[in-house]
Amino acid sequence: MTKNNSVHIPYPVMGLKIENDWNLLTAWCRYLGLGWQDLAARSHLSFSALSKLENGDNQMSDDLKHVAFVMGVKPEQLVD
């Protein structure tokens, strides 16, 4: 039996990503109606830490895993 390693990204999230040239973290935030201030408050991360994640730094870091948990998605769904 083979294991399916694909990551599901809903069409509306991909649409936001493509239409606006956003990364997946930003697209998910907009899709979920979260602003950066909301995400910072919910995750207890600084804007600096969120900015690093948005720019693709620290992929699969503990911060990214925590943000994914707060957003209710898998960390793999936030990585471009």
N, C-alpha and C. Protein backbone atom coordinates (compact mmCIF):
# COMPACT_ATOMS: atom_id res chain seq x y z
N MET A 1 0.85 -1.16 0.00
CA MET A 1 0.00 0.00 0.00
C MET A 1 0.91 1.24 0.00
N THR A 2 0.64 2.18 -0.87
CA THR A 2 1.43 3.40 -0.92
C THR A 2 0.76 4.48 -0.08
N LYS A 3 1.58 5.34 0.45
CA LYS A 3 1.10 6.42 1.30
C LYS A 3 0.97 7.69 0.46
N ASN A 4 -0.14 8.38 0.57
CA ASN A 4 -0.38 9.61 -0.16
C ASN A 4 0.18 10.78 0.65
N ASN A 5 1.21 11.42 0.14
CA ASN A 5 1.86 12.52 0.85
C ASN A 5 1.40 13.89 0.35
N SER A 6 0.33 13.93 -0.43
CA SER A 6 -0.11 15.21 -0.95
C SER A 6 -0.75 16.04 0.16
N VAL A 7 -0.66 17.33 -0.01
CA VAL A 7 -1.23 18.27 0.95
C VAL A 7 -2.43 18.93 0.30
N HIS A 8 -3.56 18.89 0.97
CA HIS A 8 -4.78 19.49 0.43
C HIS A 8 -4.84 20.98 0.77
N ILE A 9 -4.95 21.80 -0.27
CA ILE A 9 -5.16 23.24 -0.10
C ILE A 9 -6.50 23.54 -0.77
N PRO A 10 -7.48 24.05 -0.03
CA PRO A 10 -8.78 24.34 -0.63
C PRO A 10 -8.65 25.33 -1.80
N TYR A 11 -9.50 25.13 -2.79
CA TYR A 11 -9.49 25.98 -3.97
C TYR A 11 -9.56 27.47 -3.64
N PRO A 12 -10.44 27.91 -2.70
CA PRO A 12 -10.48 29.36 -2.40
C PRO A 12 -9.16 29.90 -1.85
N VAL A 13 -8.43 29.10 -1.09
CA VAL A 13 -7.13 29.53 -0.56
C VAL A 13 -6.14 29.66 -1.71
N MET A 14 -6.11 28.67 -2.60
CA MET A 14 -5.22 28.75 -3.75
C MET A 14 -5.59 29.91 -4.65
N GLY A 15 -6.88 30.18 -4.78
CA GLY A 15 -7.31 31.32 -5.58
C GLY A 15 -6.78 32.63 -5.01
N LEU A 16 -6.87 32.81 -3.70
CA LEU A 16 -6.33 34.01 -3.06
C LEU A 16 -4.83 34.11 -3.27
N LYS A 17 -4.15 32.98 -3.13
CA LYS A 17 -2.69 32.95 -3.30
C LYS A 17 -2.30 33.40 -4.70
N ILE A 18 -2.95 32.82 -5.69
CA ILE A 18 -2.60 33.10 -7.08
C ILE A 18 -3.03 34.51 -7.50
N GLU A 19 -4.27 34.87 -7.19
CA GLU A 19 -4.80 36.17 -7.62
C GLU A 19 -4.04 37.35 -7.03
N ASN A 20 -3.55 37.19 -5.80
CA ASN A 20 -2.90 38.30 -5.10
C ASN A 20 -1.40 38.15 -4.96
N ASP A 21 -0.86 37.05 -5.49
CA ASP A 21 0.57 36.76 -5.37
C ASP A 21 1.00 36.73 -3.90
N TRP A 22 0.17 36.08 -3.08
CA TRP A 22 0.45 35.93 -1.66
C TRP A 22 1.08 34.56 -1.42
N ASN A 23 1.73 34.42 -0.27
CA ASN A 23 2.17 33.08 0.13
C ASN A 23 0.99 32.37 0.80
N LEU A 24 1.16 31.10 1.11
CA LEU A 24 0.05 30.34 1.68
C LEU A 24 -0.36 30.82 3.06
N LEU A 25 0.58 31.26 3.88
CA LEU A 25 0.23 31.76 5.20
C LEU A 25 -0.71 32.95 5.10
N THR A 26 -0.38 33.89 4.24
CA THR A 26 -1.23 35.07 4.06
C THR A 26 -2.59 34.68 3.47
N ALA A 27 -2.58 33.81 2.47
CA ALA A 27 -3.83 33.38 1.85
C ALA A 27 -4.76 32.69 2.86
N TRP A 28 -4.18 31.82 3.69
CA TRP A 28 -4.98 31.16 4.72
C TRP A 28 -5.55 32.17 5.71
N CYS A 29 -4.72 33.13 6.12
CA CYS A 29 -5.20 34.15 7.06
C CYS A 29 -6.40 34.89 6.49
N ARG A 30 -6.28 35.33 5.25
CA ARG A 30 -7.38 36.05 4.61
C ARG A 30 -8.61 35.16 4.47
N TYR A 31 -8.40 33.92 4.07
CA TYR A 31 -9.49 32.96 3.92
C TYR A 31 -10.23 32.76 5.24
N LEU A 32 -9.49 32.70 6.32
CA LEU A 32 -10.08 32.49 7.65
C LEU A 32 -10.54 33.78 8.31
N GLY A 33 -10.30 34.91 7.65
CA GLY A 33 -10.71 36.20 8.20
C GLY A 33 -9.82 36.68 9.34
N LEU A 34 -8.57 36.26 9.34
CA LEU A 34 -7.63 36.66 10.39
C LEU A 34 -6.68 37.73 9.87
N GLY A 35 -6.58 38.81 10.61
CA GLY A 35 -5.55 39.80 10.33
C GLY A 35 -4.30 39.42 11.11
N TRP A 36 -3.20 40.10 10.79
CA TRP A 36 -1.95 39.80 11.49
C TRP A 36 -2.06 40.08 12.97
N GLN A 37 -2.81 41.11 13.34
CA GLN A 37 -2.98 41.43 14.76
C GLN A 37 -3.73 40.30 15.45
N ASP A 38 -4.77 39.77 14.80
CA ASP A 38 -5.53 38.64 15.36
C ASP A 38 -4.63 37.43 15.53
N LEU A 39 -3.85 37.14 14.48
CA LEU A 39 -2.99 35.96 14.53
C LEU A 39 -1.91 36.11 15.60
N ALA A 40 -1.35 37.31 15.72
CA ALA A 40 -0.34 37.55 16.76
C ALA A 40 -0.95 37.36 18.14
N ALA A 41 -2.15 37.86 18.35
CA ALA A 41 -2.80 37.74 19.65
C ALA A 41 -3.13 36.28 19.97
N ARG A 42 -3.65 35.57 19.00
CA ARG A 42 -4.04 34.17 19.22
C ARG A 42 -2.84 33.24 19.40
N SER A 43 -1.77 33.53 18.67
CA SER A 43 -0.61 32.65 18.72
C SER A 43 0.42 33.07 19.75
N HIS A 44 0.27 34.30 20.28
CA HIS A 44 1.24 34.86 21.23
C HIS A 44 2.63 34.98 20.62
N LEU A 45 2.66 35.23 19.29
CA LEU A 45 3.93 35.46 18.60
C LEU A 45 4.03 36.93 18.23
N SER A 46 5.25 37.41 18.14
CA SER A 46 5.47 38.81 17.77
C SER A 46 5.23 38.99 16.27
N PHE A 47 5.02 40.25 15.87
CA PHE A 47 4.90 40.56 14.46
C PHE A 47 6.18 40.17 13.72
N SER A 48 7.31 40.32 14.38
CA SER A 48 8.59 39.95 13.79
C SER A 48 8.64 38.46 13.48
N ALA A 49 8.19 37.64 14.41
CA ALA A 49 8.17 36.19 14.20
C ALA A 49 7.22 35.82 13.07
N LEU A 50 6.05 36.47 13.03
CA LEU A 50 5.09 36.20 11.96
C LEU A 50 5.64 36.65 10.61
N SER A 51 6.34 37.76 10.61
CA SER A 51 6.93 38.26 9.37
C SER A 51 7.95 37.26 8.82
N LYS A 52 8.74 36.68 9.70
CA LYS A 52 9.72 35.68 9.27
C LYS A 52 9.01 34.47 8.66
N LEU A 53 7.92 34.05 9.26
CA LEU A 53 7.17 32.93 8.71
C LEU A 53 6.57 33.31 7.36
N GLU A 54 6.05 34.51 7.25
CA GLU A 54 5.45 34.98 6.00
C GLU A 54 6.49 35.00 4.88
N ASN A 55 7.72 35.35 5.22
CA ASN A 55 8.78 35.44 4.22
C ASN A 55 9.43 34.09 3.92
N GLY A 56 8.91 33.03 4.51
CA GLY A 56 9.43 31.70 4.22
C GLY A 56 10.57 31.25 5.09
N ASP A 57 10.94 32.07 6.08
CA ASP A 57 11.99 31.67 7.01
C ASP A 57 11.40 30.67 8.03
N ASN A 58 12.26 29.85 8.56
CA ASN A 58 11.87 28.92 9.64
C ASN A 58 10.76 27.95 9.23
N GLN A 59 10.82 27.46 7.97
CA GLN A 59 9.82 26.51 7.55
C GLN A 59 9.88 25.26 8.41
N MET A 60 8.75 24.82 8.83
CA MET A 60 8.56 23.68 9.72
C MET A 60 9.17 23.90 11.10
N SER A 61 9.28 25.15 11.49
CA SER A 61 9.76 25.48 12.83
C SER A 61 8.63 25.27 13.84
N ASP A 62 8.98 25.34 15.10
CA ASP A 62 7.96 25.24 16.15
C ASP A 62 6.96 26.38 16.03
N ASP A 63 7.42 27.59 15.64
CA ASP A 63 6.50 28.72 15.47
C ASP A 63 5.48 28.42 14.38
N LEU A 64 5.93 27.87 13.27
CA LEU A 64 5.01 27.56 12.17
C LEU A 64 4.02 26.48 12.61
N LYS A 65 4.50 25.49 13.31
CA LYS A 65 3.61 24.43 13.80
C LYS A 65 2.58 24.99 14.76
N HIS A 66 2.99 25.92 15.60
CA HIS A 66 2.07 26.55 16.55
C HIS A 66 1.03 27.39 15.81
N VAL A 67 1.47 28.18 14.84
CA VAL A 67 0.53 29.01 14.05
C VAL A 67 -0.47 28.11 13.33
N ALA A 68 0.01 27.01 12.76
CA ALA A 68 -0.89 26.08 12.08
C ALA A 68 -1.93 25.53 13.05
N PHE A 69 -1.50 25.16 14.25
CA PHE A 69 -2.43 24.66 15.26
C PHE A 69 -3.48 25.71 15.59
N VAL A 70 -3.05 26.94 15.80
CA VAL A 70 -3.97 28.04 16.13
C VAL A 70 -4.97 28.26 15.00
N MET A 71 -4.50 28.12 13.76
CA MET A 71 -5.36 28.35 12.60
C MET A 71 -6.22 27.14 12.25
N GLY A 72 -5.91 25.99 12.85
CA GLY A 72 -6.68 24.77 12.57
C GLY A 72 -6.32 24.11 11.26
N VAL A 73 -5.06 24.27 10.83
CA VAL A 73 -4.59 23.64 9.60
C VAL A 73 -3.32 22.85 9.91
N LYS A 74 -2.83 22.12 8.93
CA LYS A 74 -1.58 21.39 9.08
C LYS A 74 -0.43 22.29 8.70
N PRO A 75 0.71 22.18 9.36
CA PRO A 75 1.85 23.02 9.02
C PRO A 75 2.23 22.96 7.55
N GLU A 76 2.09 21.77 6.96
CA GLU A 76 2.43 21.58 5.55
C GLU A 76 1.54 22.43 4.64
N GLN A 77 0.35 22.79 5.12
CA GLN A 77 -0.57 23.60 4.32
C GLN A 77 -0.18 25.08 4.31
N LEU A 78 0.80 25.45 5.10
CA LEU A 78 1.23 26.85 5.16
C LEU A 78 2.54 27.09 4.43
N VAL A 79 3.15 26.03 3.92
CA VAL A 79 4.47 26.15 3.31
C VAL A 79 4.33 26.15 1.79
N ASP A 80 4.85 27.18 1.16
CA ASP A 80 4.82 27.27 -0.32
C ASP A 80 5.80 26.31 -0.92
